[in-house]
Protein backbone atom coordinates (compact mmCIF):
# COMPACT_ATOMS: atom_id res chain seq x y z
CA MET A 1 -33.92 -11.79 -13.49
CA THR A 2 -36.42 -11.13 -16.26
CA PRO A 3 -35.22 -10.52 -19.82
CA ASP A 4 -36.31 -6.87 -19.58
CA GLU A 5 -34.33 -6.41 -16.36
CA ARG A 6 -31.29 -8.09 -17.91
CA ARG A 7 -31.51 -5.79 -20.91
CA ARG A 8 -31.69 -2.69 -18.73
CA TRP A 9 -28.79 -3.92 -16.65
CA LEU A 10 -26.64 -4.58 -19.72
CA LEU A 11 -27.50 -1.21 -21.19
CA SER A 12 -26.57 0.50 -17.94
CA LEU A 13 -23.05 -1.05 -17.99
CA TRP A 14 -21.94 1.17 -20.90
CA ARG A 15 -21.64 4.03 -18.41
CA TYR A 16 -18.59 2.33 -16.91
CA ALA A 17 -16.84 2.30 -20.26
CA VAL A 18 -17.31 6.05 -20.90
CA PRO A 19 -14.00 7.22 -19.43
CA ALA A 20 -12.01 4.70 -21.50
CA LEU A 21 -14.04 5.40 -24.59
CA ILE A 22 -13.58 9.15 -24.32
CA SER A 23 -9.84 8.68 -23.75
CA ALA A 24 -9.64 6.45 -26.80
CA LEU A 25 -11.65 9.00 -28.83
CA MET A 26 -9.21 11.70 -27.81
CA MET A 27 -6.41 9.40 -29.04
CA VAL A 28 -8.10 9.12 -32.42
CA LEU A 29 -8.70 12.90 -32.48
CA MET A 30 -4.97 13.39 -32.06
CA LEU A 31 -4.46 11.82 -35.46
CA ALA A 32 -6.24 14.77 -37.12
CA PRO A 33 -3.92 17.05 -39.08
CA LEU A 34 -3.49 20.64 -37.93
CA PRO A 35 -2.77 23.33 -40.55
CA LEU A 36 0.05 24.81 -38.48
CA PRO A 37 3.76 25.14 -39.25
CA VAL A 38 4.65 23.60 -35.84
CA PRO A 39 3.45 20.32 -34.31
CA ALA A 40 1.02 21.77 -31.83
CA MET A 41 -1.49 19.00 -31.14
CA PRO A 42 -2.03 18.70 -27.38
CA ASN A 43 -1.74 15.28 -25.79
CA LEU A 44 -5.54 14.98 -25.52
CA ALA A 45 -5.50 11.30 -24.61
CA LEU A 46 -3.18 11.79 -21.65
CA LEU A 47 -5.25 14.79 -20.54
CA ALA A 48 -8.43 12.74 -20.75
CA VAL A 49 -6.88 9.93 -18.68
CA LEU A 50 -5.72 12.41 -16.05
CA ALA A 51 -9.15 14.12 -15.98
CA TRP A 52 -10.98 10.82 -15.54
CA VAL A 53 -8.57 9.65 -12.87
CA MET A 54 -9.37 12.87 -11.00
CA LEU A 55 -13.12 12.67 -11.58
CA GLN A 56 -13.81 8.93 -11.35
CA PRO A 57 -10.68 7.11 -10.10
CA ALA A 58 -12.48 3.78 -9.87
CA LEU A 59 -13.38 3.97 -13.60
CA MET A 60 -9.85 4.81 -14.80
CA PRO A 61 -7.46 2.56 -12.85
CA PRO A 62 -3.79 2.46 -13.91
CA TRP A 63 -4.25 -0.80 -15.83
CA LEU A 64 -6.95 0.80 -17.98
CA ALA A 65 -4.73 3.85 -18.53
CA PHE A 66 -2.07 1.35 -19.65
CA VAL A 67 -4.52 -0.09 -22.23
CA VAL A 68 -5.40 3.39 -23.55
CA GLY A 69 -1.69 4.17 -23.82
CA ALA A 70 -1.08 0.88 -25.68
CA LEU A 71 -3.80 1.89 -28.11
CA GLY A 72 -1.91 5.11 -28.64
CA ASP A 73 1.30 3.25 -29.25
CA LEU A 74 -0.47 1.20 -31.94
CA LEU A 75 -2.19 4.19 -33.56
CA PHE A 76 0.93 6.39 -33.62
CA GLY A 77 3.31 3.65 -34.68
CA MET A 78 5.40 4.06 -31.53
CA PRO A 79 7.23 1.20 -29.82
CA LEU A 80 4.69 -0.72 -27.84
CA GLY A 81 4.81 0.25 -24.23
CA VAL A 82 6.02 3.86 -24.38
CA ASN A 83 2.64 5.62 -24.01
CA ALA A 84 1.26 2.62 -22.14
CA THR A 85 3.87 2.93 -19.40
CA LEU A 86 3.66 6.72 -19.23
CA PHE A 87 -0.17 6.78 -19.03
CA ALA A 88 -0.17 4.14 -16.27
CA VAL A 89 2.49 5.98 -14.26
CA ALA A 90 0.60 9.27 -14.71
CA ALA A 91 -2.67 7.68 -13.54
CA GLY A 92 -0.87 6.28 -10.50
CA SER A 93 0.67 9.66 -9.79
CA ILE A 94 -2.71 11.37 -9.84
CA ARG A 95 -4.05 8.74 -7.42
CA LEU A 96 -1.08 9.45 -5.15
CA LEU A 97 -1.75 13.21 -5.39
CA ASP A 98 -5.38 12.56 -4.41
CA LEU A 99 -4.17 10.82 -1.24
CA LEU A 100 -1.71 13.59 -0.36
CA LEU A 101 -3.89 16.60 -1.17
CA VAL A 102 -7.46 16.04 -0.03
CA ASP A 103 -8.91 19.46 -0.74
CA ARG A 104 -7.45 20.77 -4.03
CA SER A 105 -8.35 23.79 -6.12
CA HIS A 106 -8.60 23.87 -9.91
CA LEU A 107 -5.30 25.68 -10.03
CA VAL A 108 -3.55 22.85 -8.14
CA ASP A 109 -5.16 20.34 -10.51
CA TRP A 110 -4.01 22.35 -13.53
CA LEU A 111 -0.47 22.62 -12.11
CA GLY A 112 -0.39 18.91 -11.34
CA ALA A 113 -1.67 17.92 -14.79
CA SER A 114 0.82 20.34 -16.42
CA LEU A 115 3.72 18.88 -14.49
CA LEU A 116 2.65 15.33 -15.32
CA VAL A 117 2.37 16.19 -19.02
CA LEU A 118 5.81 17.77 -18.89
CA ALA A 119 7.24 14.73 -17.07
CA CYS A 120 5.68 12.39 -19.60
CA ALA A 121 7.08 14.44 -22.51
CA LEU A 122 10.52 14.45 -20.95
CA ALA A 123 10.32 10.67 -20.31
CA THR A 124 9.17 10.01 -23.86
CA GLY A 125 12.57 11.05 -25.27
CA PRO A 126 14.69 8.53 -23.36
CA LEU A 127 12.10 5.75 -23.83
CA MET A 128 12.01 6.33 -27.59
CA ALA A 129 15.82 6.53 -27.69
CA LEU A 130 15.97 3.25 -25.79
CA ALA A 131 13.76 1.77 -28.49
CA GLY A 132 16.15 3.13 -31.16
CA ARG A 133 13.91 5.96 -32.33
CA PRO A 134 15.01 9.23 -30.70
CA VAL A 135 12.59 12.19 -30.96
CA PRO A 136 13.48 15.90 -31.07
CA VAL A 137 12.74 17.90 -27.93
CA LEU A 138 11.19 21.04 -29.51
CA PRO A 139 7.99 19.34 -30.82
CA MET A 140 7.55 17.73 -27.44
CA LEU A 141 7.75 21.13 -25.72
CA TRP A 142 5.15 22.54 -28.14
CA GLN A 143 2.87 19.63 -27.22
CA VAL A 144 3.38 20.33 -23.53
CA LEU A 145 2.51 24.02 -24.00
CA THR A 146 -0.65 23.29 -26.01
CA SER A 147 -1.62 20.57 -23.51
CA MET A 148 -1.39 23.06 -20.63
CA ILE A 149 -3.66 25.38 -22.56
CA ALA A 150 -6.12 22.63 -23.47
CA TRP A 151 -6.42 21.22 -19.91
CA PRO A 152 -9.26 23.46 -18.65
CA LEU A 153 -11.32 22.85 -21.80
CA LEU A 154 -10.91 19.10 -21.73
CA LEU A 155 -11.57 18.93 -17.98
CA SER A 156 -14.74 20.95 -18.47
CA ALA A 157 -15.91 18.55 -21.16
CA CYS A 158 -15.25 15.53 -18.95
CA VAL A 159 -17.05 17.19 -16.01
CA ALA A 160 -20.05 17.88 -18.24
CA VAL A 161 -20.12 14.21 -19.33
CA GLN A 162 -19.80 13.05 -15.74
CA ARG A 163 -22.66 15.30 -14.60
CA ARG A 164 -24.90 14.12 -17.43
CA LEU A 165 -24.19 10.49 -16.50
CA ALA A 166 -24.75 11.23 -12.83
CA ARG A 167 -28.17 12.74 -13.61
CA SER A 168 -29.13 9.72 -15.71
CA ALA A 169 -28.07 7.12 -13.16
CA PRO A 170 -28.58 7.74 -9.44
CA SER A 171 -26.07 4.97 -8.55
CA TRP A 172 -23.23 6.77 -10.36
CA ARG A 173 -21.05 8.04 -7.54
CA HIS A 174 -17.83 9.90 -7.29
CA GLY A 175 -14.76 7.61 -7.26
């Protein structure tokens, strides 16, 4: 392999990190303050993980979703493993849904993502209580509602990124 070929090969590898990088970027974006009287920031990182598991399952395996969730635990000061576990379980659930429902509509994807976000929010309470830091339910429900609203926008953004990458690299295939 010539040095030029090696350089092109190394530069082409960044495409495989895009789903994880976008999910991590969404995690950082969740740290931004919102000028609202209620905590209404959607769980953008979980939505990004779910979107990439649906779009490119090979590029967002459950272990990588675990790593993104662990980053969230560190950024948000949560007990290590809460988001990590929930993100990995959610990624595995989407993979199972892919096996069960071969031909899905956008509405089914939206419903599945909404149910998973709700399940993760409901599981966060007991996991945080187990760690000795209980959380109130109402802010979690606001986050679920705003996440349901944000899903189509975030999925559209991920689809646009996937299409751009697919145009730039002929070997980029679906899942």
